[in-house]
Protein backbone atom coordinates (compact mmCIF):
# COMPACT_ATOMS: atom_id res chain seq x y z
CA MET A 1 -20.83 18.57 -3.78
CA THR A 2 -17.31 18.94 -5.12
CA PRO A 3 -16.43 19.67 -8.76
CA GLU A 4 -14.91 16.17 -8.96
CA SER A 5 -18.22 14.58 -7.91
CA LEU A 6 -19.95 16.31 -10.82
CA LEU A 7 -17.79 14.36 -13.29
CA SER A 8 -18.37 10.82 -12.04
CA ALA A 9 -21.61 8.93 -11.72
CA PRO A 10 -22.43 6.14 -9.31
CA ALA A 11 -22.73 2.69 -10.87
CA GLY A 12 -26.06 0.90 -10.98
CA VAL A 13 -28.18 1.97 -13.93
CA SER A 14 -27.16 1.34 -17.51
CA SER A 15 -27.24 4.15 -20.05
CA GLU A 16 -29.77 2.17 -22.10
CA ALA A 17 -32.14 1.67 -19.15
CA PHE A 18 -31.87 5.32 -18.19
CA ARG A 19 -32.49 6.49 -21.77
CA HIS A 20 -35.60 4.27 -21.93
CA ALA A 21 -36.89 5.71 -18.66
CA VAL A 22 -36.35 9.38 -19.48
CA THR A 23 -38.05 9.10 -22.88
CA ARG A 24 -41.25 8.99 -20.82
CA LEU A 25 -40.52 12.48 -19.49
CA PRO A 26 -42.00 15.01 -21.93
CA THR A 27 -39.52 17.74 -22.83
CA GLY A 28 -39.50 20.74 -25.09
CA VAL A 29 -37.47 20.59 -28.29
CA ALA A 30 -35.20 23.38 -29.50
CA VAL A 31 -32.24 23.82 -31.81
CA VAL A 32 -29.17 25.54 -30.40
CA THR A 33 -27.12 27.35 -33.06
CA ALA A 34 -23.78 29.13 -33.07
CA SER A 35 -21.31 30.63 -35.53
CA GLY A 36 -17.88 29.26 -36.18
CA PRO A 37 -14.93 29.54 -38.54
CA ASP A 38 -16.32 26.70 -40.68
CA GLY A 39 -19.83 28.17 -40.84
CA PRO A 40 -22.90 27.74 -38.69
CA ALA A 41 -23.22 24.88 -36.20
CA GLY A 42 -26.34 23.57 -34.55
CA CYS A 43 -27.89 20.65 -32.72
CA THR A 44 -31.24 19.54 -31.36
CA VAL A 45 -31.59 19.75 -27.58
CA ASN A 46 -34.27 18.97 -25.05
CA ALA A 47 -32.57 20.54 -22.05
CA VAL A 48 -33.28 24.28 -22.11
CA MET A 49 -34.61 26.25 -19.20
CA SER A 50 -35.30 29.79 -18.15
CA LEU A 51 -32.57 30.61 -15.63
CA SER A 52 -33.21 34.19 -14.58
CA LEU A 53 -35.46 37.17 -15.21
CA ARG A 54 -32.98 39.74 -13.89
CA PRO A 55 -31.03 39.60 -16.05
CA PRO A 56 -32.93 37.53 -18.61
CA ALA A 57 -30.94 34.29 -18.97
CA LEU A 58 -31.26 30.76 -20.33
CA LEU A 59 -29.47 27.53 -19.50
CA VAL A 60 -28.77 24.86 -22.13
CA SER A 61 -27.18 21.44 -21.80
CA LEU A 62 -24.93 20.26 -24.64
CA SER A 63 -22.96 17.05 -25.05
CA THR A 64 -19.27 17.55 -24.34
CA ALA A 65 -18.59 15.84 -27.69
CA SER A 66 -20.77 18.34 -29.56
CA ARG A 67 -19.28 20.50 -32.33
CA THR A 68 -21.97 23.00 -31.45
CA LEU A 69 -20.68 23.23 -27.87
CA ASP A 70 -17.19 23.97 -29.21
CA GLN A 71 -18.58 26.80 -31.36
CA VAL A 72 -20.71 28.18 -28.51
CA LEU A 73 -17.74 28.36 -26.16
CA THR A 74 -15.34 29.67 -28.84
CA SER A 75 -17.68 32.36 -30.16
CA GLY A 76 -19.13 33.28 -26.78
CA SER A 77 -22.72 33.34 -28.03
CA PHE A 78 -25.55 31.04 -29.13
CA ALA A 79 -29.21 31.04 -30.13
CA VAL A 80 -32.03 28.91 -28.81
CA ASN A 81 -34.60 28.23 -31.54
CA VAL A 82 -37.93 26.81 -30.32
CA LEU A 83 -39.61 24.85 -33.09
CA PRO A 84 -43.29 25.01 -34.01
CA TRP A 85 -44.98 21.73 -34.91
CA SER A 86 -44.92 22.72 -38.59
CA ALA A 87 -41.08 22.69 -38.47
CA ARG A 88 -40.69 19.41 -36.53
CA HIS A 89 -38.58 17.99 -39.37
CA LEU A 90 -35.82 20.38 -38.27
CA ALA A 91 -35.58 18.61 -34.91
CA ARG A 92 -34.60 15.41 -36.69
CA GLN A 93 -32.38 17.20 -39.21
CA PHE A 94 -30.35 18.92 -36.48
CA ALA A 95 -30.10 15.70 -34.44
CA THR A 96 -28.37 13.69 -37.17
CA GLY A 97 -25.89 14.08 -40.00
CA THR A 98 -22.87 16.26 -40.50
CA ALA A 99 -22.70 19.94 -39.64
CA ALA A 100 -23.17 20.87 -43.33
CA GLN A 101 -26.19 18.56 -43.68
CA ARG A 102 -27.88 20.11 -40.67
CA PHE A 103 -28.14 23.51 -42.38
CA THR A 104 -28.93 22.17 -45.88
CA GLY A 105 -32.15 23.78 -47.10
CA VAL A 106 -32.65 25.62 -43.81
CA SER A 107 -33.49 29.30 -43.89
CA TRP A 108 -31.73 31.38 -41.25
CA GLN A 109 -30.70 34.95 -40.57
CA PRO A 110 -27.81 36.26 -38.48
CA GLN A 111 -28.79 38.11 -35.32
CA HIS A 112 -25.95 39.57 -33.27
CA GLY A 113 -23.60 37.31 -35.24
CA VAL A 114 -25.52 34.10 -34.46
CA PRO A 115 -27.62 32.05 -36.92
CA VAL A 116 -31.32 32.19 -36.01
CA LEU A 117 -33.68 29.77 -37.76
CA THR A 118 -36.41 31.55 -39.72
CA ALA A 119 -38.85 28.74 -38.88
CA ALA A 120 -38.43 29.16 -35.11
CA SER A 121 -41.56 30.33 -33.30
CA VAL A 122 -39.39 31.61 -30.44
CA ALA A 123 -35.74 32.55 -30.76
CA ALA A 124 -33.32 33.99 -28.25
CA VAL A 125 -29.71 35.03 -28.75
CA CYS A 126 -27.49 34.73 -25.68
CA ASP A 127 -23.99 35.74 -24.66
CA VAL A 128 -22.25 32.98 -22.70
CA SER A 129 -22.01 33.94 -19.03
CA SER A 130 -20.60 30.70 -17.64
CA SER A 131 -20.30 26.99 -18.28
CA VAL A 132 -19.71 23.91 -16.19
CA ARG A 133 -19.09 20.32 -17.22
CA VAL A 134 -21.41 17.83 -15.51
CA PHE A 135 -20.93 14.15 -16.43
CA ASP A 136 -20.99 13.89 -20.25
CA HIS A 137 -22.63 17.29 -20.82
CA THR A 138 -21.77 20.94 -20.32
CA LEU A 139 -24.30 23.37 -18.90
CA VAL A 140 -24.04 26.77 -20.56
CA ALA A 141 -25.66 29.83 -19.00
CA GLY A 142 -26.35 32.69 -21.37
CA ALA A 143 -27.54 36.26 -20.87
CA VAL A 144 -30.30 36.98 -23.40
CA THR A 145 -29.43 39.86 -25.74
CA TRP A 146 -32.25 39.51 -28.32
CA THR A 147 -35.57 37.67 -28.69
CA ARG A 148 -38.27 37.08 -31.25
CA THR A 149 -41.62 35.46 -30.56
CA ASP A 150 -44.58 34.74 -32.78
CA ASP A 151 -47.82 32.94 -32.18
CA ARG A 152 -47.31 29.80 -34.26
CA PRO A 153 -48.51 27.15 -31.87
CA PRO A 154 -48.19 24.36 -31.11
CA THR A 155 -44.57 23.63 -30.27
CA VAL A 156 -42.67 20.35 -30.60
CA LEU A 157 -42.31 18.07 -27.59
CA PHE A 158 -40.36 14.84 -27.24
CA ALA A 159 -41.95 12.02 -25.24
CA GLY A 160 -42.19 8.28 -25.53
CA GLY A 161 -39.24 8.25 -27.92
CA GLN A 162 -40.95 10.39 -30.56
CA TYR A 163 -41.82 13.98 -31.44
CA GLN A 164 -45.28 15.04 -30.31
CA VAL A 165 -47.50 18.11 -30.50
CA GLY A 166 -47.08 20.49 -27.58
CA GLY A 167 -49.18 23.36 -26.34
């Protein structure tokens, strides 16, 4: 597969039909945050995966149009904030509105220069290792430099077009 083939998709399935189909695939919900010259940036994502144990690394997928992506790549670091069910409202808050509205009323603390949501049940700060644009998203690999985990289950999932209780 060539780099050029990663940027173009074959015709055949509409974006609307595809979106409808993939809403049936349960995914975890997290908020990716970063620091920038205009303050913190963040967005809700459902594409986060463990990439490596040696070294510990995560992979996130962000829209190429995302202000958060710009801040992640400019600053060279980001946080992945996994939301407990009790903080599910943050998933919606970080999915809509302006950058300033996303952090309105949200408690966070800087860790290694990156905003980490206080409500997160799992948080990881990462230094960007590499990134690659694929279609309308950019995959960002990050080496984990800090983590926090607590036992506030359950987590938020997204399936069937709505937020649901995870395990």
